[in-house]
Amino acid sequence: MTALAILGGVVLTGCGGPETTRAETLAPPGSPSPASSAPGSPSPAASAPDRAERPPTLAPGPAGLTPVFERRTPTGSPGRNDKVVALTFDADMTADQGPRAEAGEHFDNPALISLLRRLKVPATVFMTGRWAEEYPSQARSIGTDPLFEIANHSYSHYAFSTPCYGLPTVEEGEMRGEVERAFDAIRATGARQVVPYFRFPGGCYDDASRKALAPTGVTAVQWDVVSGDAFATDADAVAEQVLDGVEPGSLVVMHCTRSAAPVTEEAVRQVVPALRERGYRFVKVSELMRG
């Protein structure tokens, strides 16, 4: 059973939405990428080395739907080390939570980011546009550090399908704009390590939302390991849940929101050395997807 928590109109989920299958495949090397002109991808004027390092995306699914990635499947190829894991952190803030931030509520978690730096753990932060606007210096710091990459978590953190744990719902005609507005807000901070990946708020999506986002060229990124850190008060329990769930190629969802996920930093402090002791290497989503 997955974990879910809702507070003040925000869903912090390590739960996920509808189950998906990974029928999509990676676009062949050198083939045109749907993300080549999408928000978060390098400009056409990028140098050859930049183009070579373009973040990988998945090929569109059936009927051109936005593809969904949730775990790297081990290949068993001789000499390949599949003991990799991606830690991802959702930086959640909804469009209407400005007054709560002004009153002193912390939707950021700079201590967590500092810990990841000290431990030298690469990570992908899925950031809402509203979070980037509230904490521009932190967004810029994260997005200019090669250890990290920033992905899109929508502008408002409203749901892209319904029902979705009580979240307000984005109209289908506004979904593309939600993604583009978030990329604009993130880039406006000066962040450069921005990748063409998107995480549906609440993990909720359907074919209509996947179709609506197809023109953006993003790859939707879900997860296979729920940390349970949302509103948790027991760091040991969060760490245990992650350690029990991780397998080679796993993608873990956690949160970078101090007020709503207060024990994440301590849980990470336990998870990182334990997984390294098991022989795991930490990677960003782009590296996990690249395979």
C-alpha atoms as a PDB file:
ATOM      1  CA  MET A   1       0.000   0.000   0.000  1.00  0.00           C
ATOM      2  CA  THR A   2       1.419   3.345  -0.964  1.00  0.00           C
ATOM      3  CA  ALA A   3       1.489   6.435   1.171  1.00  0.00           C
ATOM      4  CA  LEU A   4      -0.440   9.654   0.677  1.00  0.00           C
ATOM      5  CA  ALA A   5      -0.734  12.891   2.585  1.00  0.00           C
ATOM      6  CA  ILE A   6      -2.783  16.016   1.929  1.00  0.00           C
ATOM      7  CA  LEU A   7      -2.433  19.355   3.694  1.00  0.00           C
ATOM      8  CA  GLY A   8      -3.833  22.728   2.814  1.00  0.00           C
ATOM      9  CA  GLY A   9      -4.695  21.703  -0.709  1.00  0.00           C
ATOM     10  CA  VAL A  10      -1.288  20.187  -1.438  1.00  0.00           C
ATOM     11  CA  VAL A  11      -0.841  16.530  -2.101  1.00  0.00           C
ATOM     12  CA  LEU A  12       2.601  15.229  -1.273  1.00  0.00           C
ATOM     13  CA  THR A  13       2.548  11.803  -2.646  1.00  0.00           C
ATOM     14  CA  GLY A  14       4.859   9.051  -2.764  1.00  0.00           C
ATOM     15  CA  CYS A  15       1.934   7.144  -3.862  1.00  0.00           C
ATOM     16  CA  GLY A  16       1.380   7.358  -7.217  1.00  0.00           C
ATOM     17  CA  GLY A  17      -1.345   7.623  -9.563  1.00  0.00           C
ATOM     18  CA  PRO A  18      -2.538   5.098 -12.068  1.00  0.00           C
ATOM     19  CA  GLU A  19      -0.244   2.187 -12.782  1.00  0.00           C
ATOM     20  CA  THR A  20       1.600   2.452 -16.061  1.00  0.00           C
ATOM     21  CA  THR A  21       3.594   0.108 -18.195  1.00  0.00           C
ATOM     22  CA  ARG A  22       6.800   1.029 -19.911  1.00  0.00           C
ATOM     23  CA  ALA A  23       5.862   0.109 -23.443  1.00  0.00           C
ATOM     24  CA  GLU A  24       7.733   3.096 -24.808  1.00  0.00           C
ATOM     25  CA  THR A  25      11.357   2.739 -25.817  1.00  0.00           C
ATOM     26  CA  LEU A  26      14.250   5.128 -25.907  1.00  0.00           C
ATOM     27  CA  ALA A  27      14.652   6.968 -29.158  1.00  0.00           C
ATOM     28  CA  PRO A  28      17.603   5.541 -31.100  1.00  0.00           C
ATOM     29  CA  PRO A  29      20.863   7.474 -30.668  1.00  0.00           C
ATOM     30  CA  GLY A  30      21.120  10.218 -33.211  1.00  0.00           C
ATOM     31  CA  SER A  31      17.439  10.169 -34.084  1.00  0.00           C
ATOM     32  CA  PRO A  32      15.371  13.354 -33.856  1.00  0.00           C
ATOM     33  CA  SER A  33      14.109  13.892 -30.341  1.00  0.00           C
ATOM     34  CA  PRO A  34      10.653  15.314 -29.632  1.00  0.00           C
ATOM     35  CA  ALA A  35      12.301  17.341 -26.872  1.00  0.00           C
ATOM     36  CA  SER A  36      14.782  19.017 -29.183  1.00  0.00           C
ATOM     37  CA  SER A  37      12.648  22.156 -29.333  1.00  0.00           C
ATOM     38  CA  ALA A  38      10.880  21.670 -26.029  1.00  0.00           C
ATOM     39  CA  PRO A  39      11.299  23.730 -22.877  1.00  0.00           C
ATOM     40  CA  GLY A  40      14.262  22.435 -20.935  1.00  0.00           C
ATOM     41  CA  SER A  41      16.246  21.277 -23.964  1.00  0.00           C
ATOM     42  CA  PRO A  42      19.378  22.928 -25.347  1.00  0.00           C
ATOM     43  CA  SER A  43      18.863  25.606 -27.984  1.00  0.00           C
ATOM     44  CA  PRO A  44      19.559  24.808 -31.653  1.00  0.00           C
ATOM     45  CA  ALA A  45      22.625  27.040 -31.373  1.00  0.00           C
ATOM     46  CA  ALA A  46      24.213  24.752 -28.795  1.00  0.00           C
ATOM     47  CA  SER A  47      27.683  23.523 -29.604  1.00  0.00           C
ATOM     48  CA  ALA A  48      28.332  19.963 -30.768  1.00  0.00           C
ATOM     49  CA  PRO A  49      29.472  18.821 -27.288  1.00  0.00           C
ATOM     50  CA  ASP A  50      26.290  20.308 -25.809  1.00  0.00           C
ATOM     51  CA  ARG A  51      24.153  18.460 -28.322  1.00  0.00           C
ATOM     52  CA  ALA A  52      25.962  15.232 -27.529  1.00  0.00           C
ATOM     53  CA  GLU A  53      25.054  15.696 -23.868  1.00  0.00           C
ATOM     54  CA  ARG A  54      21.394  16.457 -24.501  1.00  0.00           C
ATOM     55  CA  PRO A  55      19.298  14.700 -21.849  1.00  0.00           C
ATOM     56  CA  PRO A  56      17.731  11.526 -23.214  1.00  0.00           C
ATOM     57  CA  THR A  57      13.982  11.285 -23.648  1.00  0.00           C
ATOM     58  CA  LEU A  58      11.664   8.419 -24.440  1.00  0.00           C
ATOM     59  CA  ALA A  59      10.044   8.053 -27.821  1.00  0.00           C
ATOM     60  CA  PRO A  60       6.346   8.970 -27.864  1.00  0.00           C
ATOM     61  CA  GLY A  61       3.943   6.232 -26.876  1.00  0.00           C
ATOM     62  CA  PRO A  62       1.048   4.888 -28.953  1.00  0.00           C
ATOM     63  CA  ALA A  63      -0.904   7.628 -30.760  1.00  0.00           C
ATOM     64  CA  GLY A  64       1.910  10.045 -29.944  1.00  0.00           C
ATOM     65  CA  LEU A  65       1.093  10.210 -26.242  1.00  0.00           C
ATOM     66  CA  THR A  66       3.670  11.650 -23.851  1.00  0.00           C
ATOM     67  CA  PRO A  67       5.892   8.730 -22.786  1.00  0.00           C
ATOM     68  CA  VAL A  68       6.196   7.667 -19.137  1.00  0.00           C
ATOM     69  CA  PHE A  69       9.370   6.477 -17.405  1.00  0.00           C
ATOM     70  CA  GLU A  70       9.328   4.949 -13.943  1.00  0.00           C
ATOM     71  CA  ARG A  71      12.304   2.605 -13.641  1.00  0.00           C
ATOM     72  CA  ARG A  72      15.301   1.394 -15.620  1.00  0.00           C
ATOM     73  CA  THR A  73      15.006  -2.273 -16.385  1.00  0.00           C
ATOM     74  CA  PRO A  74      18.290  -4.131 -15.767  1.00  0.00           C
ATOM     75  CA  THR A  75      19.668  -5.657 -18.953  1.00  0.00           C
ATOM     76  CA  GLY A  76      21.947  -8.335 -17.605  1.00  0.00           C
ATOM     77  CA  SER A  77      24.588  -7.312 -20.141  1.00  0.00           C
ATOM     78  CA  PRO A  78      28.044  -8.705 -19.290  1.00  0.00           C
ATOM     79  CA  GLY A  79      30.218  -6.201 -17.481  1.00  0.00           C
ATOM     80  CA  ARG A  80      27.391  -3.741 -16.885  1.00  0.00           C
ATOM     81  CA  ASN A  81      26.688  -2.577 -13.362  1.00  0.00           C
ATOM     82  CA  ASP A  82      22.936  -2.156 -13.001  1.00  0.00           C
ATOM     83  CA  LYS A  83      23.136  -1.297  -9.303  1.00  0.00           C
ATOM     84  CA  VAL A  84      22.154   2.305  -9.847  1.00  0.00           C
ATOM     85  CA  VAL A  85      19.372   4.275  -8.193  1.00  0.00           C
ATOM     86  CA  ALA A  86      17.967   7.756  -8.771  1.00  0.00           C
ATOM     87  CA  LEU A  87      16.838   9.857  -5.821  1.00  0.00           C
ATOM     88  CA  THR A  88      14.298  12.469  -6.869  1.00  0.00           C
ATOM     89  CA  PHE A  89      12.883  15.291  -4.770  1.00  0.00           C
ATOM     90  CA  ASP A  90       9.634  17.140  -5.417  1.00  0.00           C
ATOM     91  CA  ALA A  91       9.817  20.851  -4.594  1.00  0.00           C
ATOM     92  CA  ASP A  92       6.090  21.400  -4.128  1.00  0.00           C
ATOM     93  CA  MET A  93       4.317  24.713  -3.811  1.00  0.00           C
ATOM     94  CA  THR A  94       0.906  25.550  -5.200  1.00  0.00           C
ATOM     95  CA  ALA A  95      -0.085  28.738  -6.969  1.00  0.00           C
ATOM     96  CA  ASP A  96      -2.101  29.985  -3.977  1.00  0.00           C
ATOM     97  CA  GLN A  97       0.347  29.370  -1.119  1.00  0.00           C
ATOM     98  CA  GLY A  98       2.146  32.701  -1.239  1.00  0.00           C
ATOM     99  CA  PRO A  99       0.421  33.999   1.921  1.00  0.00           C
ATOM    100  CA  ARG A 100       1.547  30.925   3.870  1.00  0.00           C
ATOM    101  CA  ALA A 101       5.138  31.468   2.742  1.00  0.00           C
ATOM    102  CA  GLU A 102       4.895  35.135   3.730  1.00  0.00           C
ATOM    103  CA  ALA A 103       3.657  34.021   7.160  1.00  0.00           C
ATOM    104  CA  GLY A 104       6.822  31.963   7.648  1.00  0.00           C
ATOM    105  CA  GLU A 105       5.976  28.487   6.343  1.00  0.00           C
ATOM    106  CA  HIS A 106       9.001  26.904   4.664  1.00  0.00           C
ATOM    107  CA  PHE A 107       8.322  25.091   1.412  1.00  0.00           C
ATOM    108  CA  ASP A 108      12.068  24.818   0.813  1.00  0.00           C
ATOM    109  CA  ASN A 109      14.703  22.620   2.457  1.00  0.00           C
ATOM    110  CA  PRO A 110      18.205  24.077   1.979  1.00  0.00           C
ATOM    111  CA  ALA A 111      19.678  21.742   4.600  1.00  0.00           C
ATOM    112  CA  LEU A 112      18.658  18.756   2.487  1.00  0.00           C
ATOM    113  CA  ILE A 113      20.368  20.189  -0.595  1.00  0.00           C
ATOM    114  CA  SER A 114      23.488  20.915   1.472  1.00  0.00           C
ATOM    115  CA  LEU A 115      23.508  17.326   2.718  1.00  0.00           C
ATOM    116  CA  LEU A 116      23.303  15.962  -0.825  1.00  0.00           C
ATOM    117  CA  ARG A 117      26.265  18.140  -1.725  1.00  0.00           C
ATOM    118  CA  ARG A 118      28.318  16.972   1.248  1.00  0.00           C
ATOM    119  CA  LEU A 119      27.538  13.341   0.452  1.00  0.00           C
ATOM    120  CA  LYS A 120      28.165  13.954  -3.269  1.00  0.00           C
ATOM    121  CA  VAL A 121      24.806  12.476  -4.248  1.00  0.00           C
ATOM    122  CA  PRO A 122      23.498  13.442  -7.690  1.00  0.00           C
ATOM    123  CA  ALA A 123      19.765  14.092  -7.698  1.00  0.00           C
ATOM    124  CA  THR A 124      16.886  15.375  -9.804  1.00  0.00           C
ATOM    125  CA  VAL A 125      14.608  18.018  -8.316  1.00  0.00           C
ATOM    126  CA  PHE A 126      11.082  18.219  -9.738  1.00  0.00           C
ATOM    127  CA  MET A 127      10.201  21.856  -9.159  1.00  0.00           C
ATOM    128  CA  THR A 128       6.948  23.738  -9.484  1.00  0.00           C
ATOM    129  CA  GLY A 129       7.096  27.135 -11.116  1.00  0.00           C
ATOM    130  CA  ARG A 130       5.585  28.681  -8.021  1.00  0.00           C
ATOM    131  CA  TRP A 131       8.408  27.230  -5.864  1.00  0.00           C
ATOM    132  CA  ALA A 132      10.984  28.702  -8.245  1.00  0.00           C
ATOM    133  CA  GLU A 133       9.356  32.105  -7.976  1.00  0.00           C
ATOM    134  CA  GLU A 134       9.294  31.931  -4.171  1.00  0.00           C
ATOM    135  CA  TYR A 135      12.898  30.736  -3.828  1.00  0.00           C
ATOM    136  CA  PRO A 136      14.728  32.028  -6.923  1.00  0.00           C
ATOM    137  CA  SER A 137      18.199  32.051  -5.373  1.00  0.00           C
ATOM    138  CA  GLN A 138      17.834  28.441  -4.272  1.00  0.00           C
ATOM    139  CA  ALA A 139      16.465  27.402  -7.659  1.00  0.00           C
ATOM    140  CA  ARG A 140      19.424  29.102  -9.342  1.00  0.00           C
ATOM    141  CA  SER A 141      21.892  27.445  -6.950  1.00  0.00           C
ATOM    142  CA  ILE A 142      20.411  23.997  -7.590  1.00  0.00           C
ATOM    143  CA  GLY A 143      20.140  24.602 -11.310  1.00  0.00           C
ATOM    144  CA  THR A 144      23.730  25.737 -11.767  1.00  0.00           C
ATOM    145  CA  ASP A 145      25.292  22.899  -9.771  1.00  0.00           C
ATOM    146  CA  PRO A 146      26.358  19.982 -12.048  1.00  0.00           C
ATOM    147  CA  LEU A 147      25.476  17.605  -9.219  1.00  0.00           C
ATOM    148  CA  PHE A 148      21.792  18.333  -9.796  1.00  0.00           C
ATOM    149  CA  GLU A 149      19.248  18.791 -12.535  1.00  0.00           C
ATOM    150  CA  ILE A 150      15.855  20.479 -12.363  1.00  0.00           C
ATOM    151  CA  ALA A 151      12.761  18.954 -13.931  1.00  0.00           C
ATOM    152  CA  ASN A 152       9.230  20.294 -14.258  1.00  0.00           C
ATOM    153  CA  HIS A 153       6.472  19.627 -11.707  1.00  0.00           C
ATOM    154  CA  SER A 154       3.929  22.044 -13.269  1.00  0.00           C
ATOM    155  CA  TYR A 155       3.459  25.669 -12.334  1.00  0.00           C
ATOM    156  CA  SER A 156       0.600  25.373  -9.856  1.00  0.00           C
ATOM    157  CA  HIS A 157       0.760  21.747  -8.606  1.00  0.00           C
ATOM    158  CA  TYR A 158      -2.843  21.216  -9.632  1.00  0.00           C
ATOM    159  CA  ALA A 159      -4.018  17.842 -10.915  1.00  0.00           C
ATOM    160  CA  PHE A 160      -3.837  16.838 -14.584  1.00  0.00           C
ATOM    161  CA  SER A 161      -6.562  14.211 -14.188  1.00  0.00           C
ATOM    162  CA  THR A 162      -9.386  13.687 -11.752  1.00  0.00           C
ATOM    163  CA  PRO A 163      -9.964  12.461  -9.139  1.00  0.00           C
ATOM    164  CA  CYS A 164      -6.547  13.204  -7.676  1.00  0.00           C
ATOM    165  CA  TYR A 165      -6.645  13.351  -3.901  1.00  0.00           C
ATOM    166  CA  GLY A 166      -8.720  16.510  -3.757  1.00  0.00           C
ATOM    167  CA  LEU A 167      -6.378  18.699  -5.814  1.00  0.00           C
ATOM    168  CA  PRO A 168      -7.929  21.384  -8.019  1.00  0.00           C
ATOM    169  CA  THR A 169      -7.874  20.257 -11.641  1.00  0.00           C
ATOM    170  CA  VAL A 170      -6.147  21.896 -14.586  1.00  0.00           C
ATOM    171  CA  GLU A 171      -8.400  22.200 -17.623  1.00  0.00           C
ATOM    172  CA  GLU A 172      -7.177  20.170 -20.573  1.00  0.00           C
ATOM    173  CA  GLY A 173      -6.671  23.282 -22.669  1.00  0.00           C
ATOM    174  CA  GLU A 174      -4.424  24.792 -19.985  1.00  0.00           C
ATOM    175  CA  MET A 175      -2.156  21.788 -19.386  1.00  0.00           C
ATOM    176  CA  ARG A 176       0.476  22.671 -21.938  1.00  0.00           C
ATOM    177  CA  GLY A 177       0.601  26.210 -20.586  1.00  0.00           C
ATOM    178  CA  GLU A 178       1.127  24.894 -17.043  1.00  0.00           C
ATOM    179  CA  VAL A 179       4.259  23.071 -18.175  1.00  0.00           C
ATOM    180  CA  GLU A 180       5.596  25.915 -20.288  1.00  0.00           C
ATOM    181  CA  ARG A 181       4.938  28.490 -17.554  1.00  0.00           C
ATOM    182  CA  ALA A 182       6.848  26.348 -15.054  1.00  0.00           C
ATOM    183  CA  PHE A 183       9.844  26.042 -17.384  1.00  0.00           C
ATOM    184  CA  ASP A 184       9.768  29.815 -17.884  1.00  0.00           C
ATOM    185  CA  ALA A 185       9.702  30.450 -14.122  1.00  0.00           C
ATOM    186  CA  ILE A 186      12.552  28.018 -13.486  1.00  0.00           C
ATOM    187  CA  ARG A 187      14.737  29.425 -16.255  1.00  0.00           C
ATOM    188  CA  ALA A 188      14.015  32.984 -15.127  1.00  0.00           C
ATOM    189  CA  THR A 189      15.970  32.228 -11.942  1.00  0.00           C
ATOM    190  CA  GLY A 190      19.133  31.602 -13.969  1.00  0.00           C
ATOM    191  CA  ALA A 191      18.989  27.814 -13.605  1.00  0.00           C
ATOM    192  CA  ARG A 192      20.797  26.076 -16.454  1.00  0.00           C
ATOM    193  CA  GLN A 193      20.685  22.372 -15.596  1.00  0.00           C
ATOM    194  CA  VAL A 194      17.045  22.087 -16.690  1.00  0.00           C
ATOM    195  CA  VAL A 195      15.913  18.822 -18.260  1.00  0.00           C
ATOM    196  CA  PRO A 196      12.852  18.048 -20.426  1.00  0.00           C
ATOM    197  CA  TYR A 197      11.166  15.848 -17.832  1.00  0.00           C
ATOM    198  CA  PHE A 198       7.797  16.349 -16.162  1.00  0.00           C
ATOM    199  CA  ARG A 199       6.201  14.823 -13.079  1.00  0.00           C
ATOM    200  CA  PHE A 200       2.413  14.896 -12.823  1.00  0.00           C
ATOM    201  CA  PRO A 201       1.235  16.404  -9.526  1.00  0.00           C
ATOM    202  CA  GLY A 202      -0.042  13.592  -7.346  1.00  0.00           C
ATOM    203  CA  GLY A 203       1.245  11.158  -9.955  1.00  0.00           C
ATOM    204  CA  CYS A 204      -2.192  11.431 -11.584  1.00  0.00           C
ATOM    205  CA  TYR A 205      -2.534  11.300 -15.355  1.00  0.00           C
ATOM    206  CA  ASP A 206      -4.597   9.774 -18.126  1.00  0.00           C
ATOM    207  CA  ASP A 207      -4.483   9.557 -21.903  1.00  0.00           C
ATOM    208  CA  ALA A 208      -6.056  13.002 -22.261  1.00  0.00           C
ATOM    209  CA  SER A 209      -3.314  14.671 -20.215  1.00  0.00           C
ATOM    210  CA  ARG A 210      -0.597  12.701 -21.985  1.00  0.00           C
ATOM    211  CA  LYS A 211      -2.016  13.855 -25.315  1.00  0.00           C
ATOM    212  CA  ALA A 212      -2.220  17.472 -24.112  1.00  0.00           C
ATOM    213  CA  LEU A 213       1.470  17.483 -23.135  1.00  0.00           C
ATOM    214  CA  ALA A 214       2.755  15.753 -26.267  1.00  0.00           C
ATOM    215  CA  PRO A 215       3.592  19.057 -28.056  1.00  0.00           C
ATOM    216  CA  THR A 216       5.958  20.029 -25.213  1.00  0.00           C
ATOM    217  CA  GLY A 217       8.249  17.072 -25.953  1.00  0.00           C
ATOM    218  CA  VAL A 218       8.653  16.178 -22.279  1.00  0.00           C
ATOM    219  CA  THR A 219       9.018  12.684 -20.898  1.00  0.00           C
ATOM    220  CA  ALA A 220       6.819  12.084 -17.856  1.00  0.00           C
ATOM    221  CA  VAL A 221       8.778  10.629 -14.933  1.00  0.00           C
ATOM    222  CA  GLN A 222       7.060   8.610 -12.225  1.00  0.00           C
ATOM    223  CA  TRP A 223       8.739   6.247  -9.724  1.00  0.00           C
ATOM    224  CA  ASP A 224       8.806   2.681  -8.446  1.00  0.00           C
ATOM    225  CA  VAL A 225       9.849   3.382  -4.820  1.00  0.00           C
ATOM    226  CA  VAL A 226       7.714   5.496  -2.485  1.00  0.00           C
ATOM    227  CA  SER A 227       9.692   6.984   0.387  1.00  0.00           C
ATOM    228  CA  GLY A 228       6.665   7.831   2.522  1.00  0.00           C
ATOM    229  CA  ASP A 229       8.392  11.024   3.694  1.00  0.00           C
ATOM    230  CA  ALA A 230       5.337  13.252   3.193  1.00  0.00           C
ATOM    231  CA  PHE A 231       4.316  14.480   6.656  1.00  0.00           C
ATOM    232  CA  ALA A 232       6.293  11.663   8.236  1.00  0.00           C
ATOM    233  CA  THR A 233       7.754  12.164  11.705  1.00  0.00           C
ATOM    234  CA  ASP A 234       9.861   9.010  11.885  1.00  0.00           C
ATOM    235  CA  ALA A 235      13.026   9.241   9.787  1.00  0.00           C
ATOM    236  CA  ASP A 236      13.922   5.636  10.558  1.00  0.00           C
ATOM    237  CA  ALA A 237      10.645   4.421   9.070  1.00  0.00           C
ATOM    238  CA  VAL A 238      11.154   6.497   5.920  1.00  0.00           C
ATOM    239  CA  ALA A 239      14.691   5.181   5.488  1.00  0.00           C
ATOM    240  CA  GLU A 240      13.526   1.612   6.024  1.00  0.00           C
ATOM    241  CA  GLN A 241      10.788   1.988   3.421  1.00  0.00           C
ATOM    242  CA  VAL A 242      13.270   3.231   0.845  1.00  0.00           C
ATOM    243  CA  LEU A 243      15.855   0.569   1.626  1.00  0.00           C
ATOM    244  CA  ASP A 244      13.230  -2.172   1.461  1.00  0.00           C
ATOM    245  CA  GLY A 245      11.998  -0.981  -1.929  1.00  0.00           C
ATOM    246  CA  VAL A 246      15.142  -0.171  -3.889  1.00  0.00           C
ATOM    247  CA  GLU A 247      16.209  -2.557  -6.633  1.00  0.00           C
ATOM    248  CA  PRO A 248      18.711  -2.054  -9.460  1.00  0.00           C
ATOM    249  CA  GLY A 249      17.415   0.728 -11.690  1.00  0.00           C
ATOM    250  CA  SER A 250      14.962   2.098  -9.121  1.00  0.00           C
ATOM    251  CA  LEU A 251      13.623   5.632  -9.079  1.00  0.00           C
ATOM    252  CA  VAL A 252      12.758   6.953  -5.602  1.00  0.00           C
ATOM    253  CA  VAL A 253      10.330   9.809  -4.905  1.00  0.00           C
ATOM    254  CA  MET A 254      11.002  12.062  -1.920  1.00  0.00           C
ATOM    255  CA  HIS A 255      10.312  15.714  -1.131  1.00  0.00           C
ATOM    256  CA  CYS A 256      12.256  18.955  -0.763  1.00  0.00           C
ATOM    257  CA  THR A 257       9.616  20.745   1.302  1.00  0.00           C
ATOM    258  CA  ARG A 258      10.594  21.406   4.902  1.00  0.00           C
ATOM    259  CA  SER A 259       7.158  22.073   6.394  1.00  0.00           C
ATOM    260  CA  ALA A 260       5.507  19.070   4.784  1.00  0.00           C
ATOM    261  CA  ALA A 261       8.390  16.566   4.797  1.00  0.00           C
ATOM    262  CA  PRO A 262      10.412  17.436   7.910  1.00  0.00           C
ATOM    263  CA  VAL A 263      12.403  14.207   8.322  1.00  0.00           C
ATOM    264  CA  THR A 264      13.613  13.764   4.742  1.00  0.00           C
ATOM    265  CA  GLU A 265      17.095  15.092   5.458  1.00  0.00           C
ATOM    266  CA  GLU A 266      17.632  12.625   8.307  1.00  0.00           C
ATOM    267  CA  ALA A 267      16.229   9.755   6.240  1.00  0.00           C
ATOM    268  CA  VAL A 268      18.624  10.552   3.389  1.00  0.00           C
ATOM    269  CA  ARG A 269      21.475  10.625   5.892  1.00  0.00           C
ATOM    270  CA  GLN A 270      20.677   6.956   6.602  1.00  0.00           C
ATOM    271  CA  VAL A 271      19.741   5.821   3.095  1.00  0.00           C
ATOM    272  CA  VAL A 272      22.841   6.996   1.240  1.00  0.00           C
ATOM    273  CA  PRO A 273      25.542   5.100   3.175  1.00  0.00           C
ATOM    274  CA  ALA A 274      23.324   2.011   3.451  1.00  0.00           C
ATOM    275  CA  LEU A 275      22.808   1.810  -0.308  1.00  0.00           C
ATOM    276  CA  ARG A 276      26.455   2.524  -1.011  1.00  0.00           C
ATOM    277  CA  GLU A 277      27.349  -0.309   1.321  1.00  0.00           C
ATOM    278  CA  ARG A 278      25.173  -2.557  -0.853  1.00  0.00           C
ATOM    279  CA  GLY A 279      27.127  -1.467  -3.923  1.00  0.00           C
ATOM    280  CA  TYR A 280      24.670   1.059  -5.349  1.00  0.00           C
ATOM    281  CA  ARG A 281      25.676   4.151  -7.282  1.00  0.00           C
ATOM    282  CA  PHE A 282      23.493   7.262  -7.284  1.00  0.00           C
ATOM    283  CA  VAL A 283      22.566   8.880 -10.599  1.00  0.00           C
ATOM    284  CA  LYS A 284      20.304  11.615 -11.896  1.00  0.00           C
ATOM    285  CA  VAL A 285      17.194  10.681 -13.869  1.00  0.00           C
ATOM    286  CA  SER A 286      18.908  11.641 -17.128  1.00  0.00           C
ATOM    287  CA  GLU A 287      21.663   9.110 -16.477  1.00  0.00           C
ATOM    288  CA  LEU A 288      19.197   6.463 -15.332  1.00  0.00           C
ATOM    289  CA  MET A 289      17.191   6.951 -18.506  1.00  0.00           C
ATOM    290  CA  ARG A 290      20.293   6.933 -20.689  1.00  0.00           C
ATOM    291  CA  GLY A 291      21.085   3.423 -19.469  1.00  0.00           C
END
